[in-house]
Amino acid sequence: MTRKAIMIVAAVLLFVPGISAAQGQSHRGGKGQHMKMMNMGSMMQANMAKMADLMDKMQLLMSQGKMNPQQMKQCMGIMKKMSQMMREMSVRHDQQVQEKHHKQLQQMEKEIDPLMTLVHPG
């Protein structure tokens, strides 16, 4: 199961750069529209950076082999949510979607951080 989880994380990490490139090509419109897209782009970049950080944490957790089945299931659920989030990022979307992603990522971080005691006890 751990090997499968690591493969999923690796696939996600390969998919992320394509999302960024696709989003970068969507900057069209007037000056006001351009600024709005720039703000959305920076929020998406922050969200993607948070996703990468969370994936790094999950990879570290999984590589330690100390998670019980429930914790592994929790990490797999978070990866599934991230996968859906990436699908939403890969198509044209508005600021509300970015804000929703930001909140979801904060919640995911709250779920993952307590598990980090498996890696760094104490």
PDB file of N, CA and C in Angstrom:
ATOM      1  N   MET A   1       0.830  -1.192   0.000  1.00  0.00           N
ATOM      2  CA  MET A   1       0.000   0.000   0.000  1.00  0.00           C
ATOM      3  C   MET A   1       0.872   1.253   0.000  1.00  0.00           C
ATOM      4  N   THR A   2       1.986   1.220   0.713  1.00  0.00           N
ATOM      5  CA  THR A   2       2.869   2.382   0.772  1.00  0.00           C
ATOM      6  C   THR A   2       3.458   2.673  -0.603  1.00  0.00           C
ATOM      7  N   ARG A   3       3.834   1.636  -1.332  1.00  0.00           N
ATOM      8  CA  ARG A   3       4.387   1.821  -2.675  1.00  0.00           C
ATOM      9  C   ARG A   3       3.362   2.507  -3.576  1.00  0.00           C
ATOM     10  N   LYS A   4       2.110   2.089  -3.491  1.00  0.00           N
ATOM     11  CA  LYS A   4       1.049   2.697  -4.289  1.00  0.00           C
ATOM     12  C   LYS A   4       0.894   4.168  -3.924  1.00  0.00           C
ATOM     13  N   ALA A   5       0.923   4.480  -2.645  1.00  0.00           N
ATOM     14  CA  ALA A   5       0.780   5.863  -2.187  1.00  0.00           C
ATOM     15  C   ALA A   5       1.929   6.717  -2.697  1.00  0.00           C
ATOM     16  N   ILE A   6       3.146   6.197  -2.648  1.00  0.00           N
ATOM     17  CA  ILE A   6       4.302   6.953  -3.138  1.00  0.00           C
ATOM     18  C   ILE A   6       4.191   7.182  -4.637  1.00  0.00           C
ATOM     19  N   MET A   7       3.690   6.194  -5.371  1.00  0.00           N
ATOM     20  CA  MET A   7       3.503   6.353  -6.819  1.00  0.00           C
ATOM     21  C   MET A   7       2.467   7.437  -7.113  1.00  0.00           C
ATOM     22  N   ILE A   8       1.412   7.497  -6.319  1.00  0.00           N
ATOM     23  CA  ILE A   8       0.392   8.528  -6.502  1.00  0.00           C
ATOM     24  C   ILE A   8       0.982   9.904  -6.247  1.00  0.00           C
ATOM     25  N   VAL A   9       1.752  10.037  -5.172  1.00  0.00           N
ATOM     26  CA  VAL A   9       2.390  11.320  -4.861  1.00  0.00           C
ATOM     27  C   VAL A   9       3.332  11.717  -5.998  1.00  0.00           C
ATOM     28  N   ALA A  10       4.105  10.773  -6.512  1.00  0.00           N
ATOM     29  CA  ALA A  10       5.036  11.063  -7.611  1.00  0.00           C
ATOM     30  C   ALA A  10       4.276  11.523  -8.855  1.00  0.00           C
ATOM     31  N   ALA A  11       3.167  10.860  -9.164  1.00  0.00           N
ATOM     32  CA  ALA A  11       2.368  11.258 -10.322  1.00  0.00           C
ATOM     33  C   ALA A  11       1.812  12.664 -10.153  1.00  0.00           C
ATOM     34  N   VAL A  12       1.366  12.983  -8.957  1.00  0.00           N
ATOM     35  CA  VAL A  12       0.840  14.319  -8.677  1.00  0.00           C
ATOM     36  C   VAL A  12       1.934  15.364  -8.861  1.00  0.00           C
ATOM     37  N   LEU A  13       3.133  15.077  -8.373  1.00  0.00           N
ATOM     38  CA  LEU A  13       4.236  16.030  -8.505  1.00  0.00           C
ATOM     39  C   LEU A  13       4.608  16.265  -9.963  1.00  0.00           C
ATOM     40  N   LEU A  14       4.447  15.256 -10.801  1.00  0.00           N
ATOM     41  CA  LEU A  14       4.713  15.423 -12.231  1.00  0.00           C
ATOM     42  C   LEU A  14       3.622  16.241 -12.904  1.00  0.00           C
ATOM     43  N   PHE A  15       2.407  16.189 -12.379  1.00  0.00           N
ATOM     44  CA  PHE A  15       1.262  16.872 -12.964  1.00  0.00           C
ATOM     45  C   PHE A  15       1.243  18.364 -12.645  1.00  0.00           C
ATOM     46  N   VAL A  16       1.769  18.760 -11.507  1.00  0.00           N
ATOM     47  CA  VAL A  16       1.704  20.149 -11.037  1.00  0.00           C
ATOM     48  C   VAL A  16       2.327  21.149 -12.011  1.00  0.00           C
ATOM     49  N   PRO A  17       3.530  20.916 -12.583  1.00  0.00           N
ATOM     50  CA  PRO A  17       4.094  21.913 -13.499  1.00  0.00           C
ATOM     51  C   PRO A  17       3.209  22.192 -14.713  1.00  0.00           C
ATOM     52  N   GLY A  18       2.511  21.183 -15.213  1.00  0.00           N
ATOM     53  CA  GLY A  18       1.616  21.376 -16.345  1.00  0.00           C
ATOM     54  C   GLY A  18       0.460  22.300 -16.011  1.00  0.00           C
ATOM     55  N   ILE A  19      -0.019  22.228 -14.793  1.00  0.00           N
ATOM     56  CA  ILE A  19      -1.101  23.111 -14.362  1.00  0.00           C
ATOM     57  C   ILE A  19      -0.622  24.556 -14.391  1.00  0.00           C
ATOM     58  N   SER A  20       0.564  24.779 -13.874  1.00  0.00           N
ATOM     59  CA  SER A  20       1.119  26.129 -13.827  1.00  0.00           C
ATOM     60  C   SER A  20       1.281  26.689 -15.231  1.00  0.00           C
ATOM     61  N   ALA A  21       1.784  25.888 -16.149  1.00  0.00           N
ATOM     62  CA  ALA A  21       1.967  26.339 -17.528  1.00  0.00           C
ATOM     63  C   ALA A  21       0.627  26.651 -18.177  1.00  0.00           C
ATOM     64  N   ALA A  22      -0.353  25.793 -17.951  1.00  0.00           N
ATOM     65  CA  ALA A  22      -1.681  26.025 -18.532  1.00  0.00           C
ATOM     66  C   ALA A  22      -2.296  27.297 -17.981  1.00  0.00           C
ATOM     67  N   GLN A  23      -2.143  27.550 -16.695  1.00  0.00           N
ATOM     68  CA  GLN A  23      -2.701  28.753 -16.096  1.00  0.00           C
ATOM     69  C   GLN A  23      -1.992  29.992 -16.620  1.00  0.00           C
ATOM     70  N   GLY A  24      -0.705  29.891 -16.846  1.00  0.00           N
ATOM     71  CA  GLY A  24       0.061  31.031 -17.341  1.00  0.00           C
ATOM     72  C   GLY A  24      -0.380  31.477 -18.714  1.00  0.00           C
ATOM     73  N   GLN A  25      -0.936  30.589 -19.511  1.00  0.00           N
ATOM     74  CA  GLN A  25      -1.383  30.917 -20.858  1.00  0.00           C
ATOM     75  C   GLN A  25      -2.753  31.586 -20.863  1.00  0.00           C
ATOM     76  N   SER A  26      -3.417  31.665 -19.729  1.00  0.00           N
ATOM     77  CA  SER A  26      -4.779  32.191 -19.696  1.00  0.00           C
ATOM     78  C   SER A  26      -4.847  33.701 -19.467  1.00  0.00           C
ATOM     79  N   HIS A  27      -3.719  34.399 -19.456  1.00  0.00           N
ATOM     80  CA  HIS A  27      -3.699  35.847 -19.207  1.00  0.00           C
ATOM     81  C   HIS A  27      -4.097  36.593 -20.483  1.00  0.00           C
ATOM     82  N   ARG A  28      -5.377  36.925 -20.607  1.00  0.00           N
ATOM     83  CA  ARG A  28      -5.885  37.674 -21.752  1.00  0.00           C
ATOM     84  C   ARG A  28      -6.821  38.756 -21.231  1.00  0.00           C
ATOM     85  N   GLY A  29      -7.064  39.752 -22.055  1.00  0.00           N
ATOM     86  CA  GLY A  29      -8.010  40.796 -21.674  1.00  0.00           C
ATOM     87  C   GLY A  29      -7.315  42.120 -21.480  1.00  0.00           C
ATOM     88  N   GLY A  30      -8.077  43.125 -21.004  1.00  0.00           N
ATOM     89  CA  GLY A  30      -7.560  44.470 -20.798  1.00  0.00           C
ATOM     90  C   GLY A  30      -6.669  44.549 -19.583  1.00  0.00           C
ATOM     91  N   LYS A  31      -6.225  45.773 -19.286  1.00  0.00           N
ATOM     92  CA  LYS A  31      -5.296  45.981 -18.176  1.00  0.00           C
ATOM     93  C   LYS A  31      -5.917  45.578 -16.839  1.00  0.00           C
ATOM     94  N   GLY A  32      -7.172  45.950 -16.595  1.00  0.00           N
ATOM     95  CA  GLY A  32      -7.847  45.562 -15.360  1.00  0.00           C
ATOM     96  C   GLY A  32      -7.978  44.051 -15.261  1.00  0.00           C
ATOM     97  N   GLN A  33      -8.336  43.436 -16.359  1.00  0.00           N
ATOM     98  CA  GLN A  33      -8.452  41.976 -16.394  1.00  0.00           C
ATOM     99  C   GLN A  33      -7.084  41.335 -16.155  1.00  0.00           C
ATOM    100  N   HIS A  34      -6.049  41.934 -16.706  1.00  0.00           N
ATOM    101  CA  HIS A  34      -4.706  41.410 -16.537  1.00  0.00           C
ATOM    102  C   HIS A  34      -4.295  41.439 -15.056  1.00  0.00           C
ATOM    103  N   MET A  35      -4.589  42.533 -14.367  1.00  0.00           N
ATOM    104  CA  MET A  35      -4.252  42.633 -12.942  1.00  0.00           C
ATOM    105  C   MET A  35      -5.028  41.598 -12.125  1.00  0.00           C
ATOM    106  N   LYS A  36      -6.299  41.419 -12.467  1.00  0.00           N
ATOM    107  CA  LYS A  36      -7.114  40.427 -11.767  1.00  0.00           C
ATOM    108  C   LYS A  36      -6.521  39.034 -11.969  1.00  0.00           C
ATOM    109  N   MET A  37      -6.105  38.739 -13.201  1.00  0.00           N
ATOM    110  CA  MET A  37      -5.511  37.446 -13.493  1.00  0.00           C
ATOM    111  C   MET A  37      -4.169  37.285 -12.778  1.00  0.00           C
ATOM    112  N   MET A  38      -3.410  38.388 -12.663  1.00  0.00           N
ATOM    113  CA  MET A  38      -2.131  38.328 -11.954  1.00  0.00           C
ATOM    114  C   MET A  38      -2.369  37.964 -10.485  1.00  0.00           C
ATOM    115  N   ASN A  39      -3.383  38.593  -9.866  1.00  0.00           N
ATOM    116  CA  ASN A  39      -3.698  38.284  -8.467  1.00  0.00           C
ATOM    117  C   ASN A  39      -4.136  36.840  -8.316  1.00  0.00           C
ATOM    118  N   MET A  40      -4.972  36.379  -9.260  1.00  0.00           N
ATOM    119  CA  MET A  40      -5.405  34.989  -9.224  1.00  0.00           C
ATOM    120  C   MET A  40      -4.210  34.065  -9.401  1.00  0.00           C
ATOM    121  N   GLY A  41      -3.300  34.451 -10.308  1.00  0.00           N
ATOM    122  CA  GLY A  41      -2.119  33.629 -10.546  1.00  0.00           C
ATOM    123  C   GLY A  41      -1.261  33.518  -9.304  1.00  0.00           C
ATOM    124  N   SER A  42      -1.108  34.624  -8.580  1.00  0.00           N
ATOM    125  CA  SER A  42      -0.279  34.566  -7.380  1.00  0.00           C
ATOM    126  C   SER A  42      -0.959  33.734  -6.290  1.00  0.00           C
ATOM    127  N   MET A  43      -2.286  33.782  -6.215  1.00  0.00           N
ATOM    128  CA  MET A  43      -2.992  32.950  -5.243  1.00  0.00           C
ATOM    129  C   MET A  43      -2.860  31.477  -5.635  1.00  0.00           C
ATOM    130  N   MET A  44      -2.964  31.197  -6.932  1.00  0.00           N
ATOM    131  CA  MET A  44      -2.807  29.818  -7.376  1.00  0.00           C
ATOM    132  C   MET A  44      -1.394  29.330  -7.084  1.00  0.00           C
ATOM    133  N   GLN A  45      -0.395  30.191  -7.300  1.00  0.00           N
ATOM    134  CA  GLN A  45       0.981  29.802  -7.003  1.00  0.00           C
ATOM    135  C   GLN A  45       1.151  29.498  -5.520  1.00  0.00           C
ATOM    136  N   ALA A  46       0.553  30.308  -4.669  1.00  0.00           N
ATOM    137  CA  ALA A  46       0.627  30.057  -3.220  1.00  0.00           C
ATOM    138  C   ALA A  46      -0.062  28.737  -2.874  1.00  0.00           C
ATOM    139  N   ASN A  47      -1.214  28.492  -3.499  1.00  0.00           N
ATOM    140  CA  ASN A  47      -1.923  27.239  -3.251  1.00  0.00           C
ATOM    141  C   ASN A  47      -1.096  26.045  -3.720  1.00  0.00           C
ATOM    142  N   MET A  48      -0.467  26.172  -4.884  1.00  0.00           N
ATOM    143  CA  MET A  48       0.357  25.077  -5.394  1.00  0.00           C
ATOM    144  C   MET A  48       1.572  24.844  -4.501  1.00  0.00           C
ATOM    145  N   ALA A  49       2.152  25.912  -3.987  1.00  0.00           N
ATOM    146  CA  ALA A  49       3.280  25.758  -3.065  1.00  0.00           C
ATOM    147  C   ALA A  49       2.834  25.030  -1.801  1.00  0.00           C
ATOM    148  N   LYS A  50       1.648  25.376  -1.293  1.00  0.00           N
ATOM    149  CA  LYS A  50       1.108  24.695  -0.114  1.00  0.00           C
ATOM    150  C   LYS A  50       0.860  23.216  -0.427  1.00  0.00           C
ATOM    151  N   MET A  51       0.338  22.930  -1.608  1.00  0.00           N
ATOM    152  CA  MET A  51       0.121  21.542  -2.004  1.00  0.00           C
ATOM    153  C   MET A  51       1.446  20.777  -2.028  1.00  0.00           C
ATOM    154  N   ALA A  52       2.473  21.396  -2.578  1.00  0.00           N
ATOM    155  CA  ALA A  52       3.783  20.745  -2.638  1.00  0.00           C
ATOM    156  C   ALA A  52       4.308  20.467  -1.234  1.00  0.00           C
ATOM    157  N   ASP A  53       4.157  21.426  -0.327  1.00  0.00           N
ATOM    158  CA  ASP A  53       4.596  21.235   1.056  1.00  0.00           C
ATOM    159  C   ASP A  53       3.850  20.060   1.710  1.00  0.00           C
ATOM    160  N   LEU A  54       2.546  20.014   1.494  1.00  0.00           N
ATOM    161  CA  LEU A  54       1.747  18.939   2.075  1.00  0.00           C
ATOM    162  C   LEU A  54       2.134  17.584   1.473  1.00  0.00           C
ATOM    163  N   MET A  55       2.403  17.555   0.171  1.00  0.00           N
ATOM    164  CA  MET A  55       2.827  16.308  -0.462  1.00  0.00           C
ATOM    165  C   MET A  55       4.177  15.856   0.079  1.00  0.00           C
ATOM    166  N   ASP A  56       5.079  16.819   0.322  1.00  0.00           N
ATOM    167  CA  ASP A  56       6.369  16.474   0.922  1.00  0.00           C
ATOM    168  C   ASP A  56       6.170  15.837   2.299  1.00  0.00           C
ATOM    169  N   LYS A  57       5.276  16.426   3.088  1.00  0.00           N
ATOM    170  CA  LYS A  57       5.002  15.879   4.418  1.00  0.00           C
ATOM    171  C   LYS A  57       4.419  14.467   4.315  1.00  0.00           C
ATOM    172  N   MET A  58       3.467  14.282   3.392  1.00  0.00           N
ATOM    173  CA  MET A  58       2.853  12.964   3.255  1.00  0.00           C
ATOM    174  C   MET A  58       3.871  11.929   2.777  1.00  0.00           C
ATOM    175  N   GLN A  59       4.743  12.324   1.861  1.00  0.00           N
ATOM    176  CA  GLN A  59       5.773  11.411   1.382  1.00  0.00           C
ATOM    177  C   GLN A  59       6.687  11.001   2.530  1.00  0.00           C
ATOM    178  N   LEU A  60       7.070  11.953   3.361  1.00  0.00           N
ATOM    179  CA  LEU A  60       7.914  11.661   4.509  1.00  0.00           C
ATOM    180  C   LEU A  60       7.209  10.705   5.472  1.00  0.00           C
ATOM    181  N   LEU A  61       5.943  10.982   5.739  1.00  0.00           N
ATOM    182  CA  LEU A  61       5.166  10.102   6.618  1.00  0.00           C
ATOM    183  C   LEU A  61       5.104   8.677   6.064  1.00  0.00           C
ATOM    184  N   MET A  62       4.802   8.565   4.786  1.00  0.00           N
ATOM    185  CA  MET A  62       4.653   7.238   4.184  1.00  0.00           C
ATOM    186  C   MET A  62       5.978   6.496   4.123  1.00  0.00           C
ATOM    187  N   SER A  63       7.052   7.216   3.890  1.00  0.00           N
ATOM    188  CA  SER A  63       8.351   6.555   3.781  1.00  0.00           C
ATOM    189  C   SER A  63       8.827   6.003   5.127  1.00  0.00           C
ATOM    190  N   GLN A  64       8.335   6.545   6.229  1.00  0.00           N
ATOM    191  CA  GLN A  64       8.725   6.066   7.561  1.00  0.00           C
ATOM    192  C   GLN A  64       8.087   4.716   7.879  1.00  0.00           C
ATOM    193  N   GLY A  65       6.944   4.425   7.249  1.00  0.00           N
ATOM    194  CA  GLY A  65       6.278   3.149   7.479  1.00  0.00           C
ATOM    195  C   GLY A  65       5.684   2.982   8.866  1.00  0.00           C
ATOM    196  N   LYS A  66       5.415   4.091   9.547  1.00  0.00           N
ATOM    197  CA  LYS A  66       4.905   4.022  10.922  1.00  0.00           C
ATOM    198  C   LYS A  66       3.407   4.296  11.028  1.00  0.00           C
ATOM    199  N   MET A  67       2.761   4.588   9.917  1.00  0.00           N
ATOM    200  CA  MET A  67       1.332   4.913   9.974  1.00  0.00           C
ATOM    201  C   MET A  67       0.501   3.648  10.116  1.00  0.00           C
ATOM    202  N   ASN A  68      -0.555   3.765  10.901  1.00  0.00           N
ATOM    203  CA  ASN A  68      -1.487   2.655  11.003  1.00  0.00           C
ATOM    204  C   ASN A  68      -2.456   2.738   9.815  1.00  0.00           C
ATOM    205  N   PRO A  69      -3.272   1.720   9.608  1.00  0.00           N
ATOM    206  CA  PRO A  69      -4.174   1.733   8.444  1.00  0.00           C
ATOM    207  C   PRO A  69      -5.103   2.951   8.396  1.00  0.00           C
ATOM    208  N   GLN A  70      -5.586   3.410   9.533  1.00  0.00           N
ATOM    209  CA  GLN A  70      -6.474   4.573   9.557  1.00  0.00           C
ATOM    210  C   GLN A  70      -5.732   5.838   9.115  1.00  0.00           C
ATOM    211  N   GLN A  71      -4.504   5.998   9.583  1.00  0.00           N
ATOM    212  CA  GLN A  71      -3.706   7.163   9.194  1.00  0.00           C
ATOM    213  C   GLN A  71      -3.370   7.127   7.705  1.00  0.00           C
ATOM    214  N   MET A  72      -3.077   5.923   7.201  1.00  0.00           N
ATOM    215  CA  MET A  72      -2.803   5.762   5.771  1.00  0.00           C
ATOM    216  C   MET A  72      -4.047   6.131   4.962  1.00  0.00           C
ATOM    217  N   LYS A  73      -5.201   5.695   5.436  1.00  0.00           N
ATOM    218  CA  LYS A  73      -6.459   6.018   4.764  1.00  0.00           C
ATOM    219  C   LYS A  73      -6.679   7.528   4.761  1.00  0.00           C
ATOM    220  N   GLN A  74      -6.350   8.179   5.865  1.00  0.00           N
ATOM    221  CA  GLN A  74      -6.489   9.636   5.964  1.00  0.00           C
ATOM    222  C   GLN A  74      -5.595  10.328   4.930  1.00  0.00           C
ATOM    223  N   CYS A  75      -4.351   9.897   4.807  1.00  0.00           N
ATOM    224  CA  CYS A  75      -3.445  10.487   3.813  1.00  0.00           C
ATOM    225  C   CYS A  75      -3.943  10.241   2.390  1.00  0.00           C
ATOM    226  N   MET A  76      -4.445   9.062   2.131  1.00  0.00           N
ATOM    227  CA  MET A  76      -4.974   8.748   0.799  1.00  0.00           C
ATOM    228  C   MET A  76      -6.172   9.649   0.481  1.00  0.00           C
ATOM    229  N   GLY A  77      -7.004   9.912   1.471  1.00  0.00           N
ATOM    230  CA  GLY A  77      -8.140  10.812   1.268  1.00  0.00           C
ATOM    231  C   GLY A  77      -7.686  12.225   0.940  1.00  0.00           C
ATOM    232  N   ILE A  78      -6.644  12.683   1.613  1.00  0.00           N
ATOM    233  CA  ILE A  78      -6.109  14.013   1.341  1.00  0.00           C
ATOM    234  C   ILE A  78      -5.537  14.072  -0.073  1.00  0.00           C
ATOM    235  N   MET A  79      -4.844  13.023  -0.489  1.00  0.00           N
ATOM    236  CA  MET A  79      -4.307  12.991  -1.860  1.00  0.00           C
ATOM    237  C   MET A  79      -5.430  13.038  -2.886  1.00  0.00           C
ATOM    238  N   LYS A  80      -6.520  12.350  -2.599  1.00  0.00           N
ATOM    239  CA  LYS A  80      -7.663  12.369  -3.522  1.00  0.00           C
ATOM    240  C   LYS A  80      -8.240  13.784  -3.621  1.00  0.00           C
ATOM    241  N   LYS A  81      -8.351  14.481  -2.492  1.00  0.00           N
ATOM    242  CA  LYS A  81      -8.839  15.864  -2.506  1.00  0.00           C
ATOM    243  C   LYS A  81      -7.900  16.758  -3.314  1.00  0.00           C
ATOM    244  N   MET A  82      -6.591  16.552  -3.149  1.00  0.00           N
ATOM    245  CA  MET A  82      -5.625  17.349  -3.910  1.00  0.00           C
ATOM    246  C   MET A  82      -5.744  17.075  -5.402  1.00  0.00           C
ATOM    247  N   SER A  83      -5.970  15.835  -5.745  1.00  0.00           N
ATOM    248  CA  SER A  83      -6.137  15.472  -7.146  1.00  0.00           C
ATOM    249  C   SER A  83      -7.325  16.216  -7.757  1.00  0.00           C
ATOM    250  N   GLN A  84      -8.433  16.243  -7.037  1.00  0.00           N
ATOM    251  CA  GLN A  84      -9.614  16.973  -7.510  1.00  0.00           C
ATOM    252  C   GLN A  84      -9.310  18.463  -7.623  1.00  0.00           C
ATOM    253  N   MET A  85      -8.587  18.993  -6.647  1.00  0.00           N
ATOM    254  CA  MET A  85      -8.227  20.398  -6.663  1.00  0.00           C
ATOM    255  C   MET A  85      -7.384  20.720  -7.906  1.00  0.00           C
ATOM    256  N   MET A  86      -6.458  19.850  -8.235  1.00  0.00           N
ATOM    257  CA  MET A  86      -5.618  20.065  -9.422  1.00  0.00           C
ATOM    258  C   MET A  86      -6.442  20.035 -10.702  1.00  0.00           C
ATOM    259  N   ARG A  87      -7.426  19.153 -10.743  1.00  0.00           N
ATOM    260  CA  ARG A  87      -8.312  19.136 -11.917  1.00  0.00           C
ATOM    261  C   ARG A  87      -9.032  20.480 -12.051  1.00  0.00           C
ATOM    262  N   GLU A  88      -9.489  21.020 -10.924  1.00  0.00           N
ATOM    263  CA  GLU A  88     -10.169  22.312 -10.952  1.00  0.00           C
ATOM    264  C   GLU A  88      -9.213  23.430 -11.355  1.00  0.00           C
ATOM    265  N   MET A  89      -7.953  23.330 -10.950  1.00  0.00           N
ATOM    266  CA  MET A  89      -6.964  24.350 -11.298  1.00  0.00           C
ATOM    267  C   MET A  89      -6.596  24.301 -12.784  1.00  0.00           C
ATOM    268  N   SER A  90      -6.741  23.145 -13.395  1.00  0.00           N
ATOM    269  CA  SER A  90      -6.281  22.974 -14.772  1.00  0.00           C
ATOM    270  C   SER A  90      -7.224  23.586 -15.803  1.00  0.00           C
ATOM    271  N   VAL A  91      -8.393  24.029 -15.379  1.00  0.00           N
ATOM    272  CA  VAL A  91      -9.335  24.691 -16.285  1.00  0.00           C
ATOM    273  C   VAL A  91      -9.538  26.127 -15.826  1.00  0.00           C
ATOM    274  N   ARG A  92     -10.082  26.943 -16.689  1.00  0.00           N
ATOM    275  CA  ARG A  92     -10.333  28.341 -16.336  1.00  0.00           C
ATOM    276  C   ARG A  92     -11.252  28.395 -15.119  1.00  0.00           C
ATOM    277  N   HIS A  93     -10.899  29.250 -14.163  1.00  0.00           N
ATOM    278  CA  HIS A  93     -11.680  29.368 -12.936  1.00  0.00           C
ATOM    279  C   HIS A  93     -11.530  30.781 -12.379  1.00  0.00           C
ATOM    280  N   ASP A  94     -12.367  31.098 -11.398  1.00  0.00           N
ATOM    281  CA  ASP A  94     -12.355  32.462 -10.853  1.00  0.00           C
ATOM    282  C   ASP A  94     -11.722  32.500  -9.459  1.00  0.00           C
ATOM    283  N   GLN A  95     -11.680  33.687  -8.896  1.00  0.00           N
ATOM    284  CA  GLN A  95     -11.039  33.910  -7.595  1.00  0.00           C
ATOM    285  C   GLN A  95     -11.712  33.099  -6.491  1.00  0.00           C
ATOM    286  N   GLN A  96     -13.022  32.913  -6.586  1.00  0.00           N
ATOM    287  CA  GLN A  96     -13.734  32.161  -5.551  1.00  0.00           C
ATOM    288  C   GLN A  96     -13.220  30.729  -5.459  1.00  0.00           C
ATOM    289  N   VAL A  97     -12.890  30.150  -6.599  1.00  0.00           N
ATOM    290  CA  VAL A  97     -12.357  28.788  -6.603  1.00  0.00           C
ATOM    291  C   VAL A  97     -11.005  28.767  -5.901  1.00  0.00           C
ATOM    292  N   GLN A  98     -10.176  29.783  -6.171  1.00  0.00           N
ATOM    293  CA  GLN A  98      -8.866  29.858  -5.522  1.00  0.00           C
ATOM    294  C   GLN A  98      -9.006  29.999  -4.009  1.00  0.00           C
ATOM    295  N   GLU A  99      -9.957  30.815  -3.587  1.00  0.00           N
ATOM    296  CA  GLU A  99     -10.187  30.989  -2.157  1.00  0.00           C
ATOM    297  C   GLU A  99     -10.682  29.695  -1.519  1.00  0.00           C
ATOM    298  N   LYS A 100     -11.544  28.983  -2.226  1.00  0.00           N
ATOM    299  CA  LYS A 100     -12.026  27.687  -1.741  1.00  0.00           C
ATOM    300  C   LYS A 100     -10.853  26.720  -1.589  1.00  0.00           C
ATOM    301  N   HIS A 101      -9.968  26.702  -2.580  1.00  0.00           N
ATOM    302  CA  HIS A 101      -8.795  25.835  -2.514  1.00  0.00           C
ATOM    303  C   HIS A 101      -7.905  26.207  -1.326  1.00  0.00           C
ATOM    304  N   HIS A 102      -7.742  27.501  -1.104  1.00  0.00           N
ATOM    305  CA  HIS A 102      -6.913  27.962   0.010  1.00  0.00           C
ATOM    306  C   HIS A 102      -7.459  27.426   1.336  1.00  0.00           C
ATOM    307  N   LYS A 103      -8.761  27.528   1.526  1.00  0.00           N
ATOM    308  CA  LYS A 103      -9.388  27.034   2.756  1.00  0.00           C
ATOM    309  C   LYS A 103      -9.257  25.517   2.873  1.00  0.00           C
ATOM    310  N   GLN A 104      -9.433  24.825   1.755  1.00  0.00           N
ATOM    311  CA  GLN A 104      -9.307  23.373   1.771  1.00  0.00           C
ATOM    312  C   GLN A 104      -7.881  22.954   2.134  1.00  0.00           C
ATOM    313  N   LEU A 105      -6.902  23.670   1.602  1.00  0.00           N
ATOM    314  CA  LEU A 105      -5.502  23.351   1.895  1.00  0.00           C
ATOM    315  C   LEU A 105      -5.182  23.598   3.365  1.00  0.00           C
ATOM    316  N   GLN A 106      -5.742  24.658   3.923  1.00  0.00           N
ATOM    317  CA  GLN A 106      -5.533  24.910   5.350  1.00  0.00           C
ATOM    318  C   GLN A 106      -6.099  23.757   6.184  1.00  0.00           C
ATOM    319  N   GLN A 107      -7.267  23.260   5.794  1.00  0.00           N
ATOM    320  CA  GLN A 107      -7.879  22.139   6.508  1.00  0.00           C
ATOM    321  C   GLN A 107      -7.026  20.880   6.362  1.00  0.00           C
ATOM    322  N   MET A 108      -6.504  20.640   5.166  1.00  0.00           N
ATOM    323  CA  MET A 108      -5.649  19.475   4.943  1.00  0.00           C
ATOM    324  C   MET A 108      -4.399  19.549   5.818  1.00  0.00           C
ATOM    325  N   GLU A 109      -3.838  20.741   5.921  1.00  0.00           N
ATOM    326  CA  GLU A 109      -2.647  20.922   6.745  1.00  0.00           C
ATOM    327  C   GLU A 109      -2.953  20.604   8.210  1.00  0.00           C
ATOM    328  N   LYS A 110      -4.135  21.014   8.672  1.00  0.00           N
ATOM    329  CA  LYS A 110      -4.535  20.708  10.049  1.00  0.00           C
ATOM    330  C   LYS A 110      -4.678  19.204  10.267  1.00  0.00           C
ATOM    331  N   GLU A 111      -5.019  18.471   9.211  1.00  0.00           N
ATOM    332  CA  GLU A 111      -5.136  17.015   9.320  1.00  0.00           C
ATOM    333  C   GLU A 111      -3.769  16.337   9.295  1.00  0.00           C
ATOM    334  N   ILE A 112      -2.854  16.868   8.505  1.00  0.00           N
ATOM    335  CA  ILE A 112      -1.544  16.237   8.341  1.00  0.00           C
ATOM    336  C   ILE A 112      -0.600  16.555   9.492  1.00  0.00           C
ATOM    337  N   ASP A 113      -0.597  17.781   9.963  1.00  0.00           N
ATOM    338  CA  ASP A 113       0.379  18.190  10.977  1.00  0.00           C
ATOM    339  C   ASP A 113       0.400  17.290  12.221  1.00  0.00           C
ATOM    340  N   PRO A 114      -0.738  16.868  12.763  1.00  0.00           N
ATOM    341  CA  PRO A 114      -0.672  15.979  13.927  1.00  0.00           C
ATOM    342  C   PRO A 114       0.027  14.649  13.622  1.00  0.00           C
ATOM    343  N   LEU A 115      -0.042  14.197  12.376  1.00  0.00           N
ATOM    344  CA  LEU A 115       0.617  12.945  12.002  1.00  0.00           C
ATOM    345  C   LEU A 115       2.136  13.084  11.967  1.00  0.00           C
ATOM    346  N   MET A 116       2.621  14.308  11.854  1.00  0.00           N
ATOM    347  CA  MET A 116       4.063  14.525  11.761  1.00  0.00           C
ATOM    348  C   MET A 116       4.786  14.096  13.036  1.00  0.00           C
ATOM    349  N   THR A 117       4.046  13.883  14.134  1.00  0.00           N
ATOM    350  CA  THR A 117       4.688  13.388  15.355  1.00  0.00           C
ATOM    351  C   THR A 117       5.227  11.977  15.138  1.00  0.00           C
ATOM    352  N   LEU A 118       4.741  11.272  14.113  1.00  0.00           N
ATOM    353  CA  LEU A 118       5.269   9.955  13.787  1.00  0.00           C
ATOM    354  C   LEU A 118       6.704  10.068  13.258  1.00  0.00           C
ATOM    355  N   VAL A 119       6.991  11.190  12.625  1.00  0.00           N
ATOM    356  CA  VAL A 119       8.316  11.414  12.044  1.00  0.00           C
ATOM    357  C   VAL A 119       9.231  12.111  13.039  1.00  0.00           C
ATOM    358  N   HIS A 120       8.681  13.138  13.701  1.00  0.00           N
ATOM    359  CA  HIS A 120       9.429  13.941  14.679  1.00  0.00           C
ATOM    360  C   HIS A 120       8.737  13.867  16.033  1.00  0.00           C
ATOM    361  N   PRO A 121       8.923  12.782  16.774  1.00  0.00           N
ATOM    362  CA  PRO A 121       8.232  12.671  18.061  1.00  0.00           C
ATOM    363  C   PRO A 121       8.641  13.779  19.041  1.00  0.00           C
ATOM    364  N   GLY A 122       7.652  14.187  19.796  1.00  0.00           N
ATOM    365  CA  GLY A 122       7.990  14.984  20.876  1.00  0.00           C
ATOM    366  C   GLY A 122       7.735  16.348  21.078  1.00  0.00           C
TER     367      GLY A 122
END
